[in-house]
Amino acid sequence: MCYEDFVWFMLCEEDKTSRRSLEYWYKVIDLDGNGIITPNEMEYFYEEQLQRLESLNHEPILFVDLLCQLNDLI
């Protein structure tokens, strides 16, 4: 990561409400770059959170249930 990339990362990390920040994080999550965040991409990032929940002895939430909740919110 070059200095310029690091600066953009820090700016987007600090203020997640700006349009530029939302575009940055969208591109990070859109792994295949097709402009659509699929359930597979979401599950890829959720796996790490699932490990964190388990290490803290929290009851894990299955991704399928989480995806269902997200669809209900939309």
PDB file of N, CA and C in Angstrom:
ATOM      1  N   MET A   1       0.857  -1.170   0.000  1.00  0.00           N
ATOM      2  CA  MET A   1       0.000   0.000   0.000  1.00  0.00           C
ATOM      3  C   MET A   1       0.899   1.228   0.000  1.00  0.00           C
ATOM      4  N   CYS A   2       0.705   2.072  -0.966  1.00  0.00           N
ATOM      5  CA  CYS A   2       1.511   3.287  -1.034  1.00  0.00           C
ATOM      6  C   CYS A   2       0.909   4.344  -0.097  1.00  0.00           C
ATOM      7  N   TYR A   3       1.624   5.422   0.049  1.00  0.00           N
ATOM      8  CA  TYR A   3       1.193   6.484   0.969  1.00  0.00           C
ATOM      9  C   TYR A   3      -0.166   7.051   0.572  1.00  0.00           C
ATOM     10  N   GLU A   4      -0.375   7.280  -0.720  1.00  0.00           N
ATOM     11  CA  GLU A   4      -1.645   7.841  -1.185  1.00  0.00           C
ATOM     12  C   GLU A   4      -2.809   6.894  -0.869  1.00  0.00           C
ATOM     13  N   ASP A   5      -2.618   5.596  -1.094  1.00  0.00           N
ATOM     14  CA  ASP A   5      -3.653   4.608  -0.760  1.00  0.00           C
ATOM     15  C   ASP A   5      -3.938   4.605   0.731  1.00  0.00           C
ATOM     16  N   PHE A   6      -2.879   4.725   1.532  1.00  0.00           N
ATOM     17  CA  PHE A   6      -3.044   4.747   2.984  1.00  0.00           C
ATOM     18  C   PHE A   6      -3.852   5.967   3.425  1.00  0.00           C
ATOM     19  N   VAL A   7      -3.572   7.116   2.832  1.00  0.00           N
ATOM     20  CA  VAL A   7      -4.311   8.338   3.181  1.00  0.00           C
ATOM     21  C   VAL A   7      -5.787   8.173   2.842  1.00  0.00           C
ATOM     22  N   TRP A   8      -6.100   7.630   1.638  1.00  0.00           N
ATOM     23  CA  TRP A   8      -7.502   7.410   1.256  1.00  0.00           C
ATOM     24  C   TRP A   8      -8.181   6.426   2.205  1.00  0.00           C
ATOM     25  N   PHE A   9      -7.435   5.386   2.576  1.00  0.00           N
ATOM     26  CA  PHE A   9      -7.993   4.414   3.514  1.00  0.00           C
ATOM     27  C   PHE A   9      -8.333   5.086   4.840  1.00  0.00           C
ATOM     28  N   MET A  10      -7.421   5.871   5.374  1.00  0.00           N
ATOM     29  CA  MET A  10      -7.654   6.530   6.662  1.00  0.00           C
ATOM     30  C   MET A  10      -8.817   7.522   6.586  1.00  0.00           C
ATOM     31  N   LEU A  11      -8.894   8.284   5.517  1.00  0.00           N
ATOM     32  CA  LEU A  11      -9.998   9.236   5.362  1.00  0.00           C
ATOM     33  C   LEU A  11     -11.343   8.510   5.293  1.00  0.00           C
ATOM     34  N   CYS A  12     -11.378   7.418   4.559  1.00  0.00           N
ATOM     35  CA  CYS A  12     -12.623   6.656   4.419  1.00  0.00           C
ATOM     36  C   CYS A  12     -12.966   5.899   5.693  1.00  0.00           C
ATOM     37  N   GLU A  13     -11.966   5.517   6.455  1.00  0.00           N
ATOM     38  CA  GLU A  13     -12.204   4.820   7.720  1.00  0.00           C
ATOM     39  C   GLU A  13     -12.761   5.775   8.772  1.00  0.00           C
ATOM     40  N   GLU A  14     -12.275   6.988   8.800  1.00  0.00           N
ATOM     41  CA  GLU A  14     -12.697   7.956   9.816  1.00  0.00           C
ATOM     42  C   GLU A  14     -14.098   8.494   9.571  1.00  0.00           C
ATOM     43  N   ASP A  15     -14.434   8.776   8.332  1.00  0.00           N
ATOM     44  CA  ASP A  15     -15.741   9.354   8.012  1.00  0.00           C
ATOM     45  C   ASP A  15     -16.457   8.451   7.025  1.00  0.00           C
ATOM     46  N   LYS A  16     -17.252   7.542   7.535  1.00  0.00           N
ATOM     47  CA  LYS A  16     -17.943   6.591   6.671  1.00  0.00           C
ATOM     48  C   LYS A  16     -19.253   7.142   6.117  1.00  0.00           C
ATOM     49  N   THR A  17     -19.535   8.431   6.377  1.00  0.00           N
ATOM     50  CA  THR A  17     -20.792   9.006   5.909  1.00  0.00           C
ATOM     51  C   THR A  17     -20.655   9.727   4.572  1.00  0.00           C
ATOM     52  N   SER A  18     -19.442  10.002   4.134  1.00  0.00           N
ATOM     53  CA  SER A  18     -19.272  10.734   2.881  1.00  0.00           C
ATOM     54  C   SER A  18     -19.491   9.799   1.687  1.00  0.00           C
ATOM     55  N   ARG A  19     -19.894  10.386   0.583  1.00  0.00           N
ATOM     56  CA  ARG A  19     -20.138   9.598  -0.630  1.00  0.00           C
ATOM     57  C   ARG A  19     -18.858   8.903  -1.086  1.00  0.00           C
ATOM     58  N   ARG A  20     -17.744   9.593  -1.024  1.00  0.00           N
ATOM     59  CA  ARG A  20     -16.466   9.012  -1.450  1.00  0.00           C
ATOM     60  C   ARG A  20     -16.113   7.803  -0.587  1.00  0.00           C
ATOM     61  N   SER A  21     -16.377   7.901   0.708  1.00  0.00           N
ATOM     62  CA  SER A  21     -16.096   6.801   1.620  1.00  0.00           C
ATOM     63  C   SER A  21     -16.992   5.602   1.309  1.00  0.00           C
ATOM     64  N   LEU A  22     -18.266   5.852   1.059  1.00  0.00           N
ATOM     65  CA  LEU A  22     -19.179   4.764   0.712  1.00  0.00           C
ATOM     66  C   LEU A  22     -18.749   4.074  -0.573  1.00  0.00           C
ATOM     67  N   GLU A  23     -18.304   4.843  -1.562  1.00  0.00           N
ATOM     68  CA  GLU A  23     -17.817   4.250  -2.811  1.00  0.00           C
ATOM     69  C   GLU A  23     -16.564   3.413  -2.562  1.00  0.00           C
ATOM     70  N   TYR A  24     -15.678   3.902  -1.701  1.00  0.00           N
ATOM     71  CA  TYR A  24     -14.445   3.182  -1.380  1.00  0.00           C
ATOM     72  C   TYR A  24     -14.764   1.821  -0.764  1.00  0.00           C
ATOM     73  N   TRP A  25     -15.619   1.818   0.268  1.00  0.00           N
ATOM     74  CA  TRP A  25     -15.926   0.564   0.960  1.00  0.00           C
ATOM     75  C   TRP A  25     -16.750  -0.369   0.075  1.00  0.00           C
ATOM     76  N   TYR A  26     -17.574   0.180  -0.806  1.00  0.00           N
ATOM     77  CA  TYR A  26     -18.323  -0.656  -1.736  1.00  0.00           C
ATOM     78  C   TYR A  26     -17.361  -1.412  -2.647  1.00  0.00           C
ATOM     79  N   LYS A  27     -16.336  -0.702  -3.135  1.00  0.00           N
ATOM     80  CA  LYS A  27     -15.343  -1.343  -4.002  1.00  0.00           C
ATOM     81  C   LYS A  27     -14.549  -2.402  -3.250  1.00  0.00           C
ATOM     82  N   VAL A  28     -14.311  -2.189  -1.960  1.00  0.00           N
ATOM     83  CA  VAL A  28     -13.592  -3.183  -1.163  1.00  0.00           C
ATOM     84  C   VAL A  28     -14.409  -4.459  -1.042  1.00  0.00           C
ATOM     85  N   ILE A  29     -15.704  -4.323  -0.809  1.00  0.00           N
ATOM     86  CA  ILE A  29     -16.562  -5.491  -0.593  1.00  0.00           C
ATOM     87  C   ILE A  29     -16.924  -6.183  -1.907  1.00  0.00           C
ATOM     88  N   ASP A  30     -16.995  -5.439  -2.994  1.00  0.00           N
ATOM     89  CA  ASP A  30     -17.313  -6.015  -4.306  1.00  0.00           C
ATOM     90  C   ASP A  30     -16.069  -6.710  -4.845  1.00  0.00           C
ATOM     91  N   LEU A  31     -15.854  -7.954  -4.431  1.00  0.00           N
ATOM     92  CA  LEU A  31     -14.620  -8.672  -4.719  1.00  0.00           C
ATOM     93  C   LEU A  31     -14.382  -8.925  -6.208  1.00  0.00           C
ATOM     94  N   ASP A  32     -15.448  -9.205  -6.960  1.00  0.00           N
ATOM     95  CA  ASP A  32     -15.267  -9.508  -8.380  1.00  0.00           C
ATOM     96  C   ASP A  32     -15.397  -8.269  -9.267  1.00  0.00           C
ATOM     97  N   GLY A  33     -15.703  -7.121  -8.675  1.00  0.00           N
ATOM     98  CA  GLY A  33     -15.741  -5.871  -9.424  1.00  0.00           C
ATOM     99  C   GLY A  33     -16.868  -5.753 -10.430  1.00  0.00           C
ATOM    100  N   ASN A  34     -17.952  -6.511 -10.224  1.00  0.00           N
ATOM    101  CA  ASN A  34     -19.060  -6.458 -11.175  1.00  0.00           C
ATOM    102  C   ASN A  34     -20.115  -5.406 -10.811  1.00  0.00           C
ATOM    103  N   GLY A  35     -19.903  -4.669  -9.713  1.00  0.00           N
ATOM    104  CA  GLY A  35     -20.836  -3.624  -9.319  1.00  0.00           C
ATOM    105  C   GLY A  35     -22.003  -4.120  -8.489  1.00  0.00           C
ATOM    106  N   ILE A  36     -22.003  -5.402  -8.138  1.00  0.00           N
ATOM    107  CA  ILE A  36     -23.079  -6.007  -7.348  1.00  0.00           C
ATOM    108  C   ILE A  36     -22.457  -6.733  -6.163  1.00  0.00           C
ATOM    109  N   ILE A  37     -22.969  -6.462  -4.971  1.00  0.00           N
ATOM    110  CA  ILE A  37     -22.495  -7.191  -3.789  1.00  0.00           C
ATOM    111  C   ILE A  37     -23.413  -8.393  -3.610  1.00  0.00           C
ATOM    112  N   THR A  38     -22.864  -9.562  -3.834  1.00  0.00           N
ATOM    113  CA  THR A  38     -23.637 -10.806  -3.780  1.00  0.00           C
ATOM    114  C   THR A  38     -23.568 -11.409  -2.381  1.00  0.00           C
ATOM    115  N   PRO A  39     -24.489 -12.328  -2.089  1.00  0.00           N
ATOM    116  CA  PRO A  39     -24.414 -13.022  -0.794  1.00  0.00           C
ATOM    117  C   PRO A  39     -23.083 -13.737  -0.571  1.00  0.00           C
ATOM    118  N   ASN A  40     -22.469 -14.251  -1.628  1.00  0.00           N
ATOM    119  CA  ASN A  40     -21.170 -14.915  -1.481  1.00  0.00           C
ATOM    120  C   ASN A  40     -20.099 -13.943  -0.991  1.00  0.00           C
ATOM    121  N   GLU A  41     -20.120 -12.728  -1.510  1.00  0.00           N
ATOM    122  CA  GLU A  41     -19.160 -11.719  -1.071  1.00  0.00           C
ATOM    123  C   GLU A  41     -19.419 -11.312   0.375  1.00  0.00           C
ATOM    124  N   MET A  42     -20.686 -11.180   0.719  1.00  0.00           N
ATOM    125  CA  MET A  42     -21.016 -10.840   2.102  1.00  0.00           C
ATOM    126  C   MET A  42     -20.585 -11.951   3.055  1.00  0.00           C
ATOM    127  N   GLU A  43     -20.821 -13.185   2.650  1.00  0.00           N
ATOM    128  CA  GLU A  43     -20.461 -14.320   3.500  1.00  0.00           C
ATOM    129  C   GLU A  43     -18.943 -14.405   3.687  1.00  0.00           C
ATOM    130  N   TYR A  44     -18.191 -14.067   2.667  1.00  0.00           N
ATOM    131  CA  TYR A  44     -16.736 -14.079   2.762  1.00  0.00           C
ATOM    132  C   TYR A  44     -16.263 -13.185   3.912  1.00  0.00           C
ATOM    133  N   PHE A  45     -16.824 -11.983   4.013  1.00  0.00           N
ATOM    134  CA  PHE A  45     -16.427 -11.069   5.075  1.00  0.00           C
ATOM    135  C   PHE A  45     -17.061 -11.439   6.411  1.00  0.00           C
ATOM    136  N   TYR A  46     -18.220 -12.083   6.373  1.00  0.00           N
ATOM    137  CA  TYR A  46     -18.883 -12.472   7.624  1.00  0.00           C
ATOM    138  C   TYR A  46     -18.136 -13.592   8.338  1.00  0.00           C
ATOM    139  N   GLU A  47     -17.441 -14.432   7.599  1.00  0.00           N
ATOM    140  CA  GLU A  47     -16.715 -15.553   8.218  1.00  0.00           C
ATOM    141  C   GLU A  47     -15.748 -15.067   9.292  1.00  0.00           C
ATOM    142  N   GLU A  48     -15.072 -13.959   9.044  1.00  0.00           N
ATOM    143  CA  GLU A  48     -14.147 -13.424  10.044  1.00  0.00           C
ATOM    144  C   GLU A  48     -14.907 -12.929  11.273  1.00  0.00           C
ATOM    145  N   GLN A  49     -16.046 -12.302  11.063  1.00  0.00           N
ATOM    146  CA  GLN A  49     -16.844 -11.837  12.199  1.00  0.00           C
ATOM    147  C   GLN A  49     -17.387 -13.011  12.999  1.00  0.00           C
ATOM    148  N   LEU A  50     -17.715 -14.082  12.306  1.00  0.00           N
ATOM    149  CA  LEU A  50     -18.198 -15.293  12.974  1.00  0.00           C
ATOM    150  C   LEU A  50     -17.120 -15.864  13.882  1.00  0.00           C
ATOM    151  N   GLN A  51     -15.880 -15.880  13.402  1.00  0.00           N
ATOM    152  CA  GLN A  51     -14.765 -16.351  14.229  1.00  0.00           C
ATOM    153  C   GLN A  51     -14.577 -15.448  15.452  1.00  0.00           C
ATOM    154  N   ARG A  52     -14.750 -14.162  15.256  1.00  0.00           N
ATOM    155  CA  ARG A  52     -14.627 -13.221  16.375  1.00  0.00           C
ATOM    156  C   ARG A  52     -15.720 -13.487  17.418  1.00  0.00           C
ATOM    157  N   LEU A  53     -16.945 -13.699  16.971  1.00  0.00           N
ATOM    158  CA  LEU A  53     -18.037 -14.004  17.898  1.00  0.00           C
ATOM    159  C   LEU A  53     -17.746 -15.264  18.696  1.00  0.00           C
ATOM    160  N   GLU A  54     -17.269 -16.283  18.022  1.00  0.00           N
ATOM    161  CA  GLU A  54     -16.968 -17.546  18.696  1.00  0.00           C
ATOM    162  C   GLU A  54     -15.825 -17.394  19.690  1.00  0.00           C
ATOM    163  N   SER A  55     -14.812 -16.605  19.353  1.00  0.00           N
ATOM    164  CA  SER A  55     -13.688 -16.410  20.267  1.00  0.00           C
ATOM    165  C   SER A  55     -14.086 -15.619  21.510  1.00  0.00           C
ATOM    166  N   LEU A  56     -15.139 -14.816  21.406  1.00  0.00           N
ATOM    167  CA  LEU A  56     -15.642 -14.052  22.546  1.00  0.00           C
ATOM    168  C   LEU A  56     -16.755 -14.782  23.285  1.00  0.00           C
ATOM    169  N   ASN A  57     -16.973 -16.031  22.899  1.00  0.00           N
ATOM    170  CA  ASN A  57     -18.007 -16.880  23.504  1.00  0.00           C
ATOM    171  C   ASN A  57     -19.419 -16.314  23.350  1.00  0.00           C
ATOM    172  N   HIS A  58     -19.649 -15.649  22.226  1.00  0.00           N
ATOM    173  CA  HIS A  58     -20.998 -15.184  21.901  1.00  0.00           C
ATOM    174  C   HIS A  58     -21.670 -16.245  21.045  1.00  0.00           C
ATOM    175  N   GLU A  59     -22.964 -16.269  21.118  1.00  0.00           N
ATOM    176  CA  GLU A  59     -23.693 -17.227  20.297  1.00  0.00           C
ATOM    177  C   GLU A  59     -23.604 -16.797  18.831  1.00  0.00           C
ATOM    178  N   PRO A  60     -23.076 -17.656  17.983  1.00  0.00           N
ATOM    179  CA  PRO A  60     -22.932 -17.269  16.569  1.00  0.00           C
ATOM    180  C   PRO A  60     -24.281 -17.235  15.862  1.00  0.00           C
ATOM    181  N   ILE A  61     -24.394 -16.341  14.919  1.00  0.00           N
ATOM    182  CA  ILE A  61     -25.581 -16.233  14.081  1.00  0.00           C
ATOM    183  C   ILE A  61     -25.231 -16.809  12.723  1.00  0.00           C
ATOM    184  N   LEU A  62     -26.011 -17.743  12.252  1.00  0.00           N
ATOM    185  CA  LEU A  62     -25.753 -18.330  10.939  1.00  0.00           C
ATOM    186  C   LEU A  62     -25.909 -17.259   9.861  1.00  0.00           C
ATOM    187  N   PHE A  63     -25.061 -17.338   8.838  1.00  0.00           N
ATOM    188  CA  PHE A  63     -25.126 -16.338   7.775  1.00  0.00           C
ATOM    189  C   PHE A  63     -26.480 -16.351   7.076  1.00  0.00           C
ATOM    190  N   VAL A  64     -27.059 -17.508   6.901  1.00  0.00           N
ATOM    191  CA  VAL A  64     -28.368 -17.614   6.246  1.00  0.00           C
ATOM    192  C   VAL A  64     -29.409 -16.803   7.013  1.00  0.00           C
ATOM    193  N   ASP A  65     -29.363 -16.885   8.351  1.00  0.00           N
ATOM    194  CA  ASP A  65     -30.301 -16.114   9.172  1.00  0.00           C
ATOM    195  C   ASP A  65     -30.026 -14.618   9.066  1.00  0.00           C
ATOM    196  N   LEU A  66     -28.753 -14.251   9.038  1.00  0.00           N
ATOM    197  CA  LEU A  66     -28.383 -12.850   8.896  1.00  0.00           C
ATOM    198  C   LEU A  66     -28.843 -12.301   7.547  1.00  0.00           C
ATOM    199  N   LEU A  67     -28.650 -13.076   6.504  1.00  0.00           N
ATOM    200  CA  LEU A  67     -29.078 -12.664   5.169  1.00  0.00           C
ATOM    201  C   LEU A  67     -30.592 -12.488   5.106  1.00  0.00           C
ATOM    202  N   CYS A  68     -31.318 -13.354   5.772  1.00  0.00           N
ATOM    203  CA  CYS A  68     -32.773 -13.249   5.834  1.00  0.00           C
ATOM    204  C   CYS A  68     -33.182 -11.958   6.544  1.00  0.00           C
ATOM    205  N   GLN A  69     -32.498 -11.632   7.633  1.00  0.00           N
ATOM    206  CA  GLN A  69     -32.776 -10.383   8.354  1.00  0.00           C
ATOM    207  C   GLN A  69     -32.476  -9.173   7.485  1.00  0.00           C
ATOM    208  N   LEU A  70     -31.379  -9.219   6.741  1.00  0.00           N
ATOM    209  CA  LEU A  70     -31.045  -8.104   5.837  1.00  0.00           C
ATOM    210  C   LEU A  70     -32.101  -7.927   4.765  1.00  0.00           C
ATOM    211  N   ASN A  71     -32.576  -9.025   4.213  1.00  0.00           N
ATOM    212  CA  ASN A  71     -33.629  -8.938   3.191  1.00  0.00           C
ATOM    213  C   ASN A  71     -34.914  -8.384   3.787  1.00  0.00           C
ATOM    214  N   ASP A  72     -35.229  -8.748   5.020  1.00  0.00           N
ATOM    215  CA  ASP A  72     -36.423  -8.219   5.681  1.00  0.00           C
ATOM    216  C   ASP A  72     -36.310  -6.706   5.907  1.00  0.00           C
ATOM    217  N   LEU A  73     -35.094  -6.235   6.203  1.00  0.00           N
ATOM    218  CA  LEU A  73     -34.886  -4.796   6.411  1.00  0.00           C
ATOM    219  C   LEU A  73     -35.084  -4.013   5.132  1.00  0.00           C
ATOM    220  N   ILE A  74     -34.718  -4.617   4.023  1.00  0.00           N
ATOM    221  CA  ILE A  74     -34.851  -3.923   2.731  1.00  0.00           C
ATOM    222  C   ILE A  74     -36.306  -3.902   2.319  1.00  0.00           C
TER     223      ILE A  74
END
